[in-house]
């Protein structure tokens, strides 16, 4: 059982780190770069990135992180490592609510609305669309990045309690 818990723990840290890195990169580079671009280009680029992100490579880190964290918590609990189980369970709950559910309830609808928006030829109109989208999207993405970073730290804490 120890090897199972250890393997799940490592998987939990890897998945948590992958999704944290994904959200963090949007915070500190992708969106800042798009904000500096011509807003017509920014809209088209964001539409393309949002269309491409739903893929088999992204799926495990985004959708399976809370499941892996929860499974790790259960395995740790049933192997008598209650402190580790607590940290993995807490990490799962934080990412589930403030990462996965937040994305599905806020960022995805925003992305779908932007996808349905024709890129205007008029730069002023495009600037208004991009500014309204980008400012709100970035606030919620920062919440996702912070939450997934906390989940990663808690998973690492769980590993330290094995």
C-alpha atoms as a PDB file:
ATOM      1  CA  UNK A   1       0.000   0.000   0.000  1.00  0.00           C
ATOM      2  CA  UNK A   2       2.907   2.353   0.688  1.00  0.00           C
ATOM      3  CA  UNK A   3       4.011   2.210  -2.948  1.00  0.00           C
ATOM      4  CA  UNK A   4       0.471   2.949  -4.108  1.00  0.00           C
ATOM      5  CA  UNK A   5       0.192   5.961  -1.821  1.00  0.00           C
ATOM      6  CA  UNK A   6       3.610   7.205  -2.874  1.00  0.00           C
ATOM      7  CA  UNK A   7       2.796   6.775  -6.575  1.00  0.00           C
ATOM      8  CA  UNK A   8      -0.526   8.568  -6.191  1.00  0.00           C
ATOM      9  CA  UNK A   9       1.176  11.313  -4.184  1.00  0.00           C
ATOM     10  CA  UNK A  10       3.719  11.940  -6.914  1.00  0.00           C
ATOM     11  CA  UNK A  11       0.955  11.922  -9.523  1.00  0.00           C
ATOM     12  CA  UNK A  12      -1.016  14.425  -7.418  1.00  0.00           C
ATOM     13  CA  UNK A  13       1.939  16.785  -7.234  1.00  0.00           C
ATOM     14  CA  UNK A  14       2.646  16.478 -10.963  1.00  0.00           C
ATOM     15  CA  UNK A  15      -0.982  17.111 -11.941  1.00  0.00           C
ATOM     16  CA  UNK A  16      -1.314  20.001  -9.476  1.00  0.00           C
ATOM     17  CA  UNK A  17       1.935  21.501 -10.729  1.00  0.00           C
ATOM     18  CA  UNK A  18       0.882  21.160 -14.348  1.00  0.00           C
ATOM     19  CA  UNK A  19      -2.407  22.991 -13.885  1.00  0.00           C
ATOM     20  CA  UNK A  20      -0.812  25.638 -11.670  1.00  0.00           C
ATOM     21  CA  UNK A  21       1.826  26.244 -14.339  1.00  0.00           C
ATOM     22  CA  UNK A  22      -0.846  26.479 -17.008  1.00  0.00           C
ATOM     23  CA  UNK A  23      -2.876  29.121 -15.157  1.00  0.00           C
ATOM     24  CA  UNK A  24       0.258  30.950 -13.979  1.00  0.00           C
ATOM     25  CA  UNK A  25       1.596  31.277 -17.533  1.00  0.00           C
ATOM     26  CA  UNK A  26      -1.638  33.009 -18.547  1.00  0.00           C
ATOM     27  CA  UNK A  27      -1.240  35.403 -15.600  1.00  0.00           C
ATOM     28  CA  UNK A  28       2.336  36.475 -16.199  1.00  0.00           C
ATOM     29  CA  UNK A  29       2.811  36.309 -19.948  1.00  0.00           C
ATOM     30  CA  UNK A  30       0.008  35.293 -22.283  1.00  0.00           C
ATOM     31  CA  UNK A  31      -2.606  37.851 -21.285  1.00  0.00           C
ATOM     32  CA  UNK A  32      -0.072  40.655 -20.822  1.00  0.00           C
ATOM     33  CA  UNK A  33       1.193  39.975 -24.332  1.00  0.00           C
ATOM     34  CA  UNK A  34      -2.304  39.942 -25.779  1.00  0.00           C
ATOM     35  CA  UNK A  35      -3.127  43.179 -23.948  1.00  0.00           C
ATOM     36  CA  UNK A  36      -0.204  44.838 -25.760  1.00  0.00           C
ATOM     37  CA  UNK A  37      -1.250  43.559 -29.182  1.00  0.00           C
ATOM     38  CA  UNK A  38      -3.691  45.107 -31.614  1.00  0.00           C
ATOM     39  CA  UNK A  39      -7.048  44.229 -30.003  1.00  0.00           C
ATOM     40  CA  UNK A  40      -8.292  42.657 -33.241  1.00  0.00           C
ATOM     41  CA  UNK A  41      -5.301  40.316 -33.141  1.00  0.00           C
ATOM     42  CA  UNK A  42      -5.813  39.688 -29.416  1.00  0.00           C
ATOM     43  CA  UNK A  43      -9.452  38.680 -29.938  1.00  0.00           C
ATOM     44  CA  UNK A  44      -8.603  36.356 -32.824  1.00  0.00           C
ATOM     45  CA  UNK A  45      -5.652  34.849 -30.946  1.00  0.00           C
ATOM     46  CA  UNK A  46      -7.713  34.230 -27.800  1.00  0.00           C
ATOM     47  CA  UNK A  47     -10.464  32.645 -29.866  1.00  0.00           C
ATOM     48  CA  UNK A  48      -7.891  30.302 -31.440  1.00  0.00           C
ATOM     49  CA  UNK A  49      -6.253  29.425 -28.104  1.00  0.00           C
ATOM     50  CA  UNK A  50      -9.606  28.724 -26.451  1.00  0.00           C
ATOM     51  CA  UNK A  51     -10.614  26.505 -29.360  1.00  0.00           C
ATOM     52  CA  UNK A  52      -7.379  24.521 -29.134  1.00  0.00           C
ATOM     53  CA  UNK A  53      -7.156  24.006 -25.357  1.00  0.00           C
ATOM     54  CA  UNK A  54      -9.769  21.282 -25.182  1.00  0.00           C
ATOM     55  CA  UNK A  55      -7.493  18.399 -26.056  1.00  0.00           C
ATOM     56  CA  UNK A  56      -6.174  15.097 -24.724  1.00  0.00           C
ATOM     57  CA  UNK A  57      -2.974  16.664 -23.397  1.00  0.00           C
ATOM     58  CA  UNK A  58      -4.793  19.310 -21.332  1.00  0.00           C
ATOM     59  CA  UNK A  59      -7.574  17.000 -20.119  1.00  0.00           C
ATOM     60  CA  UNK A  60      -5.687  15.071 -17.389  1.00  0.00           C
ATOM     61  CA  UNK A  61      -4.254  18.083 -15.576  1.00  0.00           C
ATOM     62  CA  UNK A  62      -7.461  20.098 -15.759  1.00  0.00           C
ATOM     63  CA  UNK A  63     -10.168  17.502 -15.170  1.00  0.00           C
ATOM     64  CA  UNK A  64      -8.388  14.701 -13.321  1.00  0.00           C
ATOM     65  CA  UNK A  65      -6.410  16.727 -10.753  1.00  0.00           C
ATOM     66  CA  UNK A  66      -9.217  16.761  -8.154  1.00  0.00           C
ATOM     67  CA  UNK A  67      -9.892  13.059  -8.747  1.00  0.00           C
ATOM     68  CA  UNK A  68      -6.228  12.132  -8.327  1.00  0.00           C
ATOM     69  CA  UNK A  69      -5.935  14.314  -5.215  1.00  0.00           C
ATOM     70  CA  UNK A  70      -9.085  12.731  -3.778  1.00  0.00           C
ATOM     71  CA  UNK A  71      -7.911   9.221  -4.588  1.00  0.00           C
ATOM     72  CA  UNK A  72      -4.575  10.008  -2.957  1.00  0.00           C
ATOM     73  CA  UNK A  73      -6.384  11.299   0.132  1.00  0.00           C
ATOM     74  CA  UNK A  74      -8.439   8.105   0.336  1.00  0.00           C
ATOM     75  CA  UNK A  75      -5.400   5.862  -0.123  1.00  0.00           C
ATOM     76  CA  UNK A  76      -3.461   7.807   2.508  1.00  0.00           C
ATOM     77  CA  UNK A  77      -6.401   7.634   4.906  1.00  0.00           C
ATOM     78  CA  UNK A  78      -6.864   3.877   4.502  1.00  0.00           C
ATOM     79  CA  UNK A  79      -3.137   3.289   4.964  1.00  0.00           C
ATOM     80  CA  UNK A  80      -3.153   5.105   8.302  1.00  0.00           C
ATOM     81  CA  UNK A  81      -1.648   8.379   7.121  1.00  0.00           C
ATOM     82  CA  UNK A  82      -4.399  10.703   8.295  1.00  0.00           C
ATOM     83  CA  UNK A  83      -2.364  13.914   8.240  1.00  0.00           C
ATOM     84  CA  UNK A  84      -1.353  13.332   4.627  1.00  0.00           C
ATOM     85  CA  UNK A  85      -4.945  12.450   3.740  1.00  0.00           C
ATOM     86  CA  UNK A  86      -6.152  15.743   5.223  1.00  0.00           C
ATOM     87  CA  UNK A  87      -3.784  17.826   3.062  1.00  0.00           C
ATOM     88  CA  UNK A  88      -4.575  15.926  -0.136  1.00  0.00           C
ATOM     89  CA  UNK A  89      -8.318  16.188   0.543  1.00  0.00           C
ATOM     90  CA  UNK A  90      -8.030  19.922   1.223  1.00  0.00           C
ATOM     91  CA  UNK A  91      -6.019  20.382  -1.984  1.00  0.00           C
ATOM     92  CA  UNK A  92      -8.704  18.480  -3.928  1.00  0.00           C
ATOM     93  CA  UNK A  93     -11.505  20.638  -2.518  1.00  0.00           C
ATOM     94  CA  UNK A  94      -9.712  23.916  -3.214  1.00  0.00           C
ATOM     95  CA  UNK A  95      -8.858  23.018  -6.799  1.00  0.00           C
ATOM     96  CA  UNK A  96     -12.299  21.515  -7.440  1.00  0.00           C
ATOM     97  CA  UNK A  97     -14.115  24.678  -6.338  1.00  0.00           C
ATOM     98  CA  UNK A  98     -11.711  27.484  -7.268  1.00  0.00           C
ATOM     99  CA  UNK A  99     -10.044  25.862 -10.267  1.00  0.00           C
ATOM    100  CA  UNK A 100     -12.320  23.456 -12.083  1.00  0.00           C
ATOM    101  CA  UNK A 101     -15.780  24.734 -11.099  1.00  0.00           C
ATOM    102  CA  UNK A 102     -14.763  28.392 -11.385  1.00  0.00           C
ATOM    103  CA  UNK A 103     -13.467  27.728 -14.886  1.00  0.00           C
ATOM    104  CA  UNK A 104     -16.650  25.962 -15.934  1.00  0.00           C
ATOM    105  CA  UNK A 105     -18.908  28.614 -14.407  1.00  0.00           C
ATOM    106  CA  UNK A 106     -17.013  31.809 -15.333  1.00  0.00           C
ATOM    107  CA  UNK A 107     -14.112  31.490 -17.763  1.00  0.00           C
ATOM    108  CA  UNK A 108     -15.677  28.973 -20.154  1.00  0.00           C
ATOM    109  CA  UNK A 109     -18.871  31.029 -20.643  1.00  0.00           C
ATOM    110  CA  UNK A 110     -16.733  34.112 -21.213  1.00  0.00           C
ATOM    111  CA  UNK A 111     -14.650  32.184 -23.752  1.00  0.00           C
ATOM    112  CA  UNK A 112     -17.753  30.919 -25.523  1.00  0.00           C
ATOM    113  CA  UNK A 113     -19.168  34.444 -25.713  1.00  0.00           C
ATOM    114  CA  UNK A 114     -15.891  35.700 -27.166  1.00  0.00           C
ATOM    115  CA  UNK A 115     -15.864  32.809 -29.660  1.00  0.00           C
ATOM    116  CA  UNK A 116     -19.307  33.902 -30.887  1.00  0.00           C
ATOM    117  CA  UNK A 117     -18.075  37.476 -31.379  1.00  0.00           C
ATOM    118  CA  UNK A 118     -16.976  38.508 -34.841  1.00  0.00           C
ATOM    119  CA  UNK A 119     -13.661  40.332 -34.771  1.00  0.00           C
ATOM    120  CA  UNK A 120     -14.575  43.909 -35.693  1.00  0.00           C
ATOM    121  CA  UNK A 121     -12.594  45.723 -38.350  1.00  0.00           C
ATOM    122  CA  UNK A 122     -12.854  48.921 -36.334  1.00  0.00           C
ATOM    123  CA  UNK A 123      -9.977  49.089 -33.851  1.00  0.00           C
ATOM    124  CA  UNK A 124     -11.941  51.169 -31.317  1.00  0.00           C
ATOM    125  CA  UNK A 125     -14.761  48.618 -31.225  1.00  0.00           C
ATOM    126  CA  UNK A 126     -12.232  45.792 -30.913  1.00  0.00           C
ATOM    127  CA  UNK A 127     -10.450  47.643 -28.097  1.00  0.00           C
ATOM    128  CA  UNK A 128     -13.718  47.908 -26.148  1.00  0.00           C
ATOM    129  CA  UNK A 129     -14.518  44.217 -26.629  1.00  0.00           C
ATOM    130  CA  UNK A 130     -11.013  43.128 -25.669  1.00  0.00           C
ATOM    131  CA  UNK A 131     -10.746  45.428 -22.641  1.00  0.00           C
ATOM    132  CA  UNK A 132     -14.081  44.254 -21.231  1.00  0.00           C
ATOM    133  CA  UNK A 133     -13.209  40.606 -21.791  1.00  0.00           C
ATOM    134  CA  UNK A 134      -9.561  40.701 -20.733  1.00  0.00           C
ATOM    135  CA  UNK A 135      -9.989  42.596 -17.473  1.00  0.00           C
ATOM    136  CA  UNK A 136     -12.700  40.326 -16.121  1.00  0.00           C
ATOM    137  CA  UNK A 137     -11.123  37.131 -17.474  1.00  0.00           C
ATOM    138  CA  UNK A 138      -7.778  37.956 -15.888  1.00  0.00           C
ATOM    139  CA  UNK A 139      -9.276  38.549 -12.438  1.00  0.00           C
ATOM    140  CA  UNK A 140     -10.859  35.109 -12.454  1.00  0.00           C
ATOM    141  CA  UNK A 141      -7.765  33.512 -13.939  1.00  0.00           C
ATOM    142  CA  UNK A 142      -5.700  34.967 -11.098  1.00  0.00           C
ATOM    143  CA  UNK A 143      -8.090  33.302  -8.655  1.00  0.00           C
ATOM    144  CA  UNK A 144      -7.612  29.993 -10.507  1.00  0.00           C
ATOM    145  CA  UNK A 145      -3.842  30.402 -10.483  1.00  0.00           C
ATOM    146  CA  UNK A 146      -3.769  31.214  -6.782  1.00  0.00           C
ATOM    147  CA  UNK A 147      -6.078  28.311  -5.932  1.00  0.00           C
ATOM    148  CA  UNK A 148      -4.114  25.814  -8.009  1.00  0.00           C
ATOM    149  CA  UNK A 149      -0.872  27.090  -6.453  1.00  0.00           C
ATOM    150  CA  UNK A 150      -2.350  26.554  -3.007  1.00  0.00           C
ATOM    151  CA  UNK A 151      -3.507  23.073  -4.050  1.00  0.00           C
ATOM    152  CA  UNK A 152       0.020  22.303  -5.240  1.00  0.00           C
ATOM    153  CA  UNK A 153       1.516  23.506  -1.942  1.00  0.00           C
ATOM    154  CA  UNK A 154      -1.000  21.451   0.024  1.00  0.00           C
ATOM    155  CA  UNK A 155      -0.249  18.348  -2.057  1.00  0.00           C
ATOM    156  CA  UNK A 156       3.458  18.852  -1.345  1.00  0.00           C
ATOM    157  CA  UNK A 157       2.594  19.187   2.335  1.00  0.00           C
ATOM    158  CA  UNK A 158       0.659  15.935   2.048  1.00  0.00           C
ATOM    159  CA  UNK A 159       3.730  14.225   0.611  1.00  0.00           C
ATOM    160  CA  UNK A 160       5.792  15.510   3.526  1.00  0.00           C
ATOM    161  CA  UNK A 161       3.341  13.843   5.931  1.00  0.00           C
ATOM    162  CA  UNK A 162       3.664  10.356   4.438  1.00  0.00           C
END
